[in-house]
Amino acid sequence: MGMRSRIVLAAGLTAALAGCGSSPATAPLACPTPGILAEGADLTRYRPGPVKDLTTLEFDARLAGLSGGCNPGRGNRSIEMTISANFTVERGAGAEGREFDLPWSVVMIDPADGRIIGQDFVDRVGFARNETRTSIQSAPVTVTLPVGEGRRAQDYRIWATFALTPEDLALNRRRGPR
């Protein structure tokens, strides 16, 4: 490649980059920040039976964090929000297996009518031999947030929580936030 070709190539690249900078800027996409529901941040499972102590504990899991982002949906009538949950899990002395299902949910309050919308998910956690503690990140899940007609993305209230039984919720309330 001769010197003239390199100069033309460099000039073309400079013009292309300058063109990118001069195009009208698109507004950043509003993306609500999901939170973790405090009463639903823990999931403790025991072997079936009347005794619920360290000897029958199968696992103790904690919803430790969330990550994700948003993309425009079809025809700008919705926002597609992707969320991944981070879990820390401790295998108990009463565990008979090495794999456990972690049922969790994303719960949203619709800003237009106050309706509660939920989507349920399950992630599986596995423990290696002699491993008692691990952290995993869920597969990314997508929730659709309708926008327009009195709904703005930033007005949605969104939480992640374990899918709890009434007994799980009672235990978390007795124990308090950890």
C-alpha atoms as a PDB file:
ATOM      1  CA  MET A   1       0.000   0.000   0.000  1.00  0.00           C
ATOM      2  CA  GLY A   2       1.496   3.307  -1.094  1.00  0.00           C
ATOM      3  CA  MET A   3       1.664   6.472   0.987  1.00  0.00           C
ATOM      4  CA  ARG A   4      -1.170   8.079  -1.011  1.00  0.00           C
ATOM      5  CA  SER A   5      -3.490   5.102  -0.300  1.00  0.00           C
ATOM      6  CA  ARG A   6      -2.786   5.313   3.446  1.00  0.00           C
ATOM      7  CA  ILE A   7      -3.538   9.054   3.504  1.00  0.00           C
ATOM      8  CA  VAL A   8      -6.828   8.554   1.632  1.00  0.00           C
ATOM      9  CA  LEU A   9      -7.758   5.691   3.989  1.00  0.00           C
ATOM     10  CA  ALA A  10      -6.907   7.789   7.067  1.00  0.00           C
ATOM     11  CA  ALA A  11      -8.870  10.769   5.678  1.00  0.00           C
ATOM     12  CA  GLY A  12     -11.874   8.523   4.969  1.00  0.00           C
ATOM     13  CA  LEU A  13     -11.773   7.061   8.481  1.00  0.00           C
ATOM     14  CA  THR A  14     -11.500  10.533  10.019  1.00  0.00           C
ATOM     15  CA  ALA A  15     -14.499  11.734   7.965  1.00  0.00           C
ATOM     16  CA  ALA A  16     -16.538   8.666   8.975  1.00  0.00           C
ATOM     17  CA  LEU A  17     -15.771   9.191  12.647  1.00  0.00           C
ATOM     18  CA  ALA A  18     -16.561  12.901  12.386  1.00  0.00           C
ATOM     19  CA  GLY A  19     -19.896  11.970  10.794  1.00  0.00           C
ATOM     20  CA  CYS A  20     -20.732   9.765  13.786  1.00  0.00           C
ATOM     21  CA  GLY A  21     -20.053  12.577  16.189  1.00  0.00           C
ATOM     22  CA  SER A  22     -22.165  15.090  14.314  1.00  0.00           C
ATOM     23  CA  SER A  23     -25.317  12.938  14.064  1.00  0.00           C
ATOM     24  CA  PRO A  24     -28.117  13.912  16.434  1.00  0.00           C
ATOM     25  CA  ALA A  25     -27.626  12.255  19.805  1.00  0.00           C
ATOM     26  CA  THR A  26     -30.282   9.753  20.835  1.00  0.00           C
ATOM     27  CA  ALA A  27     -31.651  10.143  24.324  1.00  0.00           C
ATOM     28  CA  PRO A  28     -30.492   7.445  26.723  1.00  0.00           C
ATOM     29  CA  LEU A  29     -33.071   4.741  27.325  1.00  0.00           C
ATOM     30  CA  ALA A  30     -34.755   5.082  30.704  1.00  0.00           C
ATOM     31  CA  CYS A  31     -34.287   1.869  32.655  1.00  0.00           C
ATOM     32  CA  PRO A  32     -35.792   1.327  36.095  1.00  0.00           C
ATOM     33  CA  THR A  33     -33.472   0.091  38.823  1.00  0.00           C
ATOM     34  CA  PRO A  34     -34.753  -3.167  40.303  1.00  0.00           C
ATOM     35  CA  GLY A  35     -34.410  -3.799  44.014  1.00  0.00           C
ATOM     36  CA  ILE A  36     -34.350  -6.884  46.212  1.00  0.00           C
ATOM     37  CA  LEU A  37     -37.409  -7.402  48.396  1.00  0.00           C
ATOM     38  CA  ALA A  38     -35.931  -7.583  51.919  1.00  0.00           C
ATOM     39  CA  GLU A  39     -38.402 -10.170  53.238  1.00  0.00           C
ATOM     40  CA  GLY A  40     -37.777 -12.336  50.186  1.00  0.00           C
ATOM     41  CA  ALA A  41     -33.973 -12.180  50.066  1.00  0.00           C
ATOM     42  CA  ASP A  42     -33.437 -15.481  51.937  1.00  0.00           C
ATOM     43  CA  LEU A  43     -34.501 -19.039  51.187  1.00  0.00           C
ATOM     44  CA  THR A  44     -33.793 -21.760  53.749  1.00  0.00           C
ATOM     45  CA  ARG A  45     -34.738 -25.373  53.080  1.00  0.00           C
ATOM     46  CA  TYR A  46     -34.810 -28.249  55.565  1.00  0.00           C
ATOM     47  CA  ARG A  47     -35.401 -31.959  55.029  1.00  0.00           C
ATOM     48  CA  PRO A  48     -39.076 -32.861  55.496  1.00  0.00           C
ATOM     49  CA  GLY A  49     -40.006 -33.646  59.084  1.00  0.00           C
ATOM     50  CA  PRO A  50     -40.651 -31.974  62.416  1.00  0.00           C
ATOM     51  CA  VAL A  51     -37.025 -31.062  63.218  1.00  0.00           C
ATOM     52  CA  LYS A  52     -35.787 -27.801  61.681  1.00  0.00           C
ATOM     53  CA  ASP A  53     -32.206 -27.285  62.830  1.00  0.00           C
ATOM     54  CA  LEU A  54     -28.615 -27.464  61.537  1.00  0.00           C
ATOM     55  CA  THR A  55     -28.779 -31.279  61.301  1.00  0.00           C
ATOM     56  CA  THR A  56     -31.692 -31.147  58.823  1.00  0.00           C
ATOM     57  CA  LEU A  57     -30.647 -28.009  56.912  1.00  0.00           C
ATOM     58  CA  GLU A  58     -30.401 -28.757  53.170  1.00  0.00           C
ATOM     59  CA  PHE A  59     -29.369 -25.284  52.016  1.00  0.00           C
ATOM     60  CA  ASP A  60     -29.485 -21.628  52.921  1.00  0.00           C
ATOM     61  CA  ALA A  61     -29.566 -19.228  49.968  1.00  0.00           C
ATOM     62  CA  ARG A  62     -29.373 -15.452  49.745  1.00  0.00           C
ATOM     63  CA  LEU A  63     -30.343 -13.192  46.863  1.00  0.00           C
ATOM     64  CA  ALA A  64     -27.162 -11.117  46.887  1.00  0.00           C
ATOM     65  CA  GLY A  65     -27.485  -8.751  43.924  1.00  0.00           C
ATOM     66  CA  LEU A  66     -28.951  -7.938  40.543  1.00  0.00           C
ATOM     67  CA  SER A  67     -27.527  -6.830  37.226  1.00  0.00           C
ATOM     68  CA  GLY A  68     -29.036  -6.071  33.848  1.00  0.00           C
ATOM     69  CA  GLY A  69     -30.162  -3.404  31.454  1.00  0.00           C
ATOM     70  CA  CYS A  70     -32.856  -2.300  29.021  1.00  0.00           C
ATOM     71  CA  ASN A  71     -33.465  -2.272  25.275  1.00  0.00           C
ATOM     72  CA  PRO A  72     -36.319  -0.720  23.312  1.00  0.00           C
ATOM     73  CA  GLY A  73     -39.148  -3.125  22.537  1.00  0.00           C
ATOM     74  CA  ARG A  74     -41.233  -3.413  19.391  1.00  0.00           C
ATOM     75  CA  GLY A  75     -42.405  -0.119  17.951  1.00  0.00           C
ATOM     76  CA  ASN A  76     -41.160   1.745  21.062  1.00  0.00           C
ATOM     77  CA  ARG A  77     -44.317   0.582  22.875  1.00  0.00           C
ATOM     78  CA  SER A  78     -42.347  -1.399  25.433  1.00  0.00           C
ATOM     79  CA  ILE A  79     -38.987  -1.726  27.128  1.00  0.00           C
ATOM     80  CA  GLU A  80     -37.313  -5.140  27.290  1.00  0.00           C
ATOM     81  CA  MET A  81     -35.556  -5.334  30.669  1.00  0.00           C
ATOM     82  CA  THR A  82     -32.958  -8.062  31.180  1.00  0.00           C
ATOM     83  CA  ILE A  83     -32.144  -9.086  34.762  1.00  0.00           C
ATOM     84  CA  SER A  84     -29.658 -11.573  36.211  1.00  0.00           C
ATOM     85  CA  ALA A  85     -29.782 -12.465  39.894  1.00  0.00           C
ATOM     86  CA  ASN A  86     -26.712 -13.280  41.976  1.00  0.00           C
ATOM     87  CA  PHE A  87     -27.107 -15.922  44.673  1.00  0.00           C
ATOM     88  CA  THR A  88     -24.867 -17.110  47.487  1.00  0.00           C
ATOM     89  CA  VAL A  89     -25.759 -20.570  48.708  1.00  0.00           C
ATOM     90  CA  GLU A  90     -24.538 -22.639  51.632  1.00  0.00           C
ATOM     91  CA  ARG A  91     -25.052 -26.413  51.618  1.00  0.00           C
ATOM     92  CA  GLY A  92     -26.244 -27.708  54.969  1.00  0.00           C
ATOM     93  CA  ALA A  93     -25.358 -30.805  56.984  1.00  0.00           C
ATOM     94  CA  GLY A  94     -28.774 -32.310  56.206  1.00  0.00           C
ATOM     95  CA  ALA A  95     -28.342 -32.082  52.419  1.00  0.00           C
ATOM     96  CA  GLU A  96     -28.684 -35.414  50.671  1.00  0.00           C
ATOM     97  CA  GLY A  97     -28.030 -34.149  47.143  1.00  0.00           C
ATOM     98  CA  ARG A  98     -25.555 -31.792  45.509  1.00  0.00           C
ATOM     99  CA  GLU A  99     -28.043 -29.871  43.352  1.00  0.00           C
ATOM    100  CA  PHE A 100     -30.904 -27.638  44.442  1.00  0.00           C
ATOM    101  CA  ASP A 101     -33.490 -25.514  42.667  1.00  0.00           C
ATOM    102  CA  LEU A 102     -33.715 -21.842  43.577  1.00  0.00           C
ATOM    103  CA  PRO A 103     -37.211 -20.547  42.745  1.00  0.00           C
ATOM    104  CA  TRP A 104     -37.296 -16.772  42.365  1.00  0.00           C
ATOM    105  CA  SER A 105     -39.555 -14.097  40.942  1.00  0.00           C
ATOM    106  CA  VAL A 106     -39.492 -10.650  39.431  1.00  0.00           C
ATOM    107  CA  VAL A 107     -42.414  -8.576  40.704  1.00  0.00           C
ATOM    108  CA  MET A 108     -43.486  -5.281  39.115  1.00  0.00           C
ATOM    109  CA  ILE A 109     -46.100  -2.666  39.936  1.00  0.00           C
ATOM    110  CA  ASP A 110     -47.750  -1.302  36.795  1.00  0.00           C
ATOM    111  CA  PRO A 111     -47.621   2.529  37.052  1.00  0.00           C
ATOM    112  CA  ALA A 112     -50.858   2.992  35.073  1.00  0.00           C
ATOM    113  CA  ASP A 113     -53.192   0.959  37.284  1.00  0.00           C
ATOM    114  CA  GLY A 114     -51.169  -0.241  40.301  1.00  0.00           C
ATOM    115  CA  ARG A 115     -51.591  -3.874  39.240  1.00  0.00           C
ATOM    116  CA  ILE A 116     -48.926  -6.301  40.495  1.00  0.00           C
ATOM    117  CA  ILE A 117     -47.336  -8.389  37.747  1.00  0.00           C
ATOM    118  CA  GLY A 118     -45.021 -11.293  38.533  1.00  0.00           C
ATOM    119  CA  GLN A 119     -42.873 -13.693  36.559  1.00  0.00           C
ATOM    120  CA  ASP A 120     -41.410 -16.844  38.112  1.00  0.00           C
ATOM    121  CA  PHE A 121     -38.048 -18.439  37.349  1.00  0.00           C
ATOM    122  CA  VAL A 122     -35.968 -21.343  38.650  1.00  0.00           C
ATOM    123  CA  ASP A 123     -32.191 -21.637  38.646  1.00  0.00           C
ATOM    124  CA  ARG A 124     -30.290 -24.736  39.668  1.00  0.00           C
ATOM    125  CA  VAL A 125     -27.250 -24.587  41.920  1.00  0.00           C
ATOM    126  CA  GLY A 126     -24.765 -27.431  42.136  1.00  0.00           C
ATOM    127  CA  PHE A 127     -22.045 -28.135  44.670  1.00  0.00           C
ATOM    128  CA  ALA A 128     -18.763 -29.865  43.895  1.00  0.00           C
ATOM    129  CA  ARG A 129     -17.560 -32.648  46.167  1.00  0.00           C
ATOM    130  CA  ASN A 130     -16.601 -31.239  49.609  1.00  0.00           C
ATOM    131  CA  GLU A 131     -17.892 -27.776  48.615  1.00  0.00           C
ATOM    132  CA  THR A 132     -20.220 -26.188  51.168  1.00  0.00           C
ATOM    133  CA  ARG A 133     -20.513 -22.634  49.846  1.00  0.00           C
ATOM    134  CA  THR A 134     -20.913 -21.267  46.328  1.00  0.00           C
ATOM    135  CA  SER A 135     -22.095 -18.242  44.371  1.00  0.00           C
ATOM    136  CA  ILE A 136     -23.951 -18.358  41.078  1.00  0.00           C
ATOM    137  CA  GLN A 137     -25.480 -15.920  38.645  1.00  0.00           C
ATOM    138  CA  SER A 138     -28.838 -16.775  37.121  1.00  0.00           C
ATOM    139  CA  ALA A 139     -29.397 -17.053  33.428  1.00  0.00           C
ATOM    140  CA  PRO A 140     -30.535 -13.627  32.178  1.00  0.00           C
ATOM    141  CA  VAL A 141     -34.323 -13.266  32.170  1.00  0.00           C
ATOM    142  CA  THR A 142     -36.311 -10.702  30.208  1.00  0.00           C
ATOM    143  CA  VAL A 143     -39.404  -8.874  31.400  1.00  0.00           C
ATOM    144  CA  THR A 144     -41.454  -6.624  29.142  1.00  0.00           C
ATOM    145  CA  LEU A 145     -42.507  -3.215  30.445  1.00  0.00           C
ATOM    146  CA  PRO A 146     -45.290  -1.617  28.366  1.00  0.00           C
ATOM    147  CA  VAL A 147     -44.718   2.135  27.903  1.00  0.00           C
ATOM    148  CA  GLY A 148     -46.994   4.910  26.646  1.00  0.00           C
ATOM    149  CA  GLU A 149     -50.612   5.502  27.711  1.00  0.00           C
ATOM    150  CA  GLY A 150     -49.642   6.769  31.161  1.00  0.00           C
ATOM    151  CA  ARG A 151     -46.679   4.420  31.594  1.00  0.00           C
ATOM    152  CA  ARG A 152     -43.039   5.476  31.636  1.00  0.00           C
ATOM    153  CA  ALA A 153     -40.245   2.964  32.193  1.00  0.00           C
ATOM    154  CA  GLN A 154     -38.825   4.904  35.145  1.00  0.00           C
ATOM    155  CA  ASP A 155     -42.212   4.785  36.928  1.00  0.00           C
ATOM    156  CA  TYR A 156     -42.196   0.991  37.260  1.00  0.00           C
ATOM    157  CA  ARG A 157     -41.320  -0.398  40.690  1.00  0.00           C
ATOM    158  CA  ILE A 158     -39.487  -3.706  40.259  1.00  0.00           C
ATOM    159  CA  TRP A 159     -38.185  -6.191  42.829  1.00  0.00           C
ATOM    160  CA  ALA A 160     -36.580  -9.597  42.789  1.00  0.00           C
ATOM    161  CA  THR A 161     -37.482 -12.080  45.505  1.00  0.00           C
ATOM    162  CA  PHE A 162     -37.272 -15.767  46.197  1.00  0.00           C
ATOM    163  CA  ALA A 163     -40.594 -17.510  45.522  1.00  0.00           C
ATOM    164  CA  LEU A 164     -41.484 -18.233  49.143  1.00  0.00           C
ATOM    165  CA  THR A 165     -44.042 -20.460  50.786  1.00  0.00           C
ATOM    166  CA  PRO A 166     -45.997 -18.941  53.710  1.00  0.00           C
ATOM    167  CA  GLU A 167     -43.665 -20.895  56.046  1.00  0.00           C
ATOM    168  CA  ASP A 168     -40.564 -19.463  54.317  1.00  0.00           C
ATOM    169  CA  LEU A 169     -41.928 -15.933  54.680  1.00  0.00           C
ATOM    170  CA  ALA A 170     -42.763 -16.513  58.369  1.00  0.00           C
ATOM    171  CA  LEU A 171     -39.197 -17.757  58.994  1.00  0.00           C
ATOM    172  CA  ASN A 172     -37.703 -14.707  57.251  1.00  0.00           C
ATOM    173  CA  ARG A 173     -39.912 -12.367  59.277  1.00  0.00           C
ATOM    174  CA  ARG A 174     -38.991 -14.084  62.575  1.00  0.00           C
ATOM    175  CA  ARG A 175     -35.299 -14.030  61.714  1.00  0.00           C
ATOM    176  CA  GLY A 176     -35.299 -10.464  60.378  1.00  0.00           C
ATOM    177  CA  PRO A 177     -32.976  -9.029  57.712  1.00  0.00           C
ATOM    178  CA  ARG A 178     -29.551 -10.648  57.578  1.00  0.00           C
END
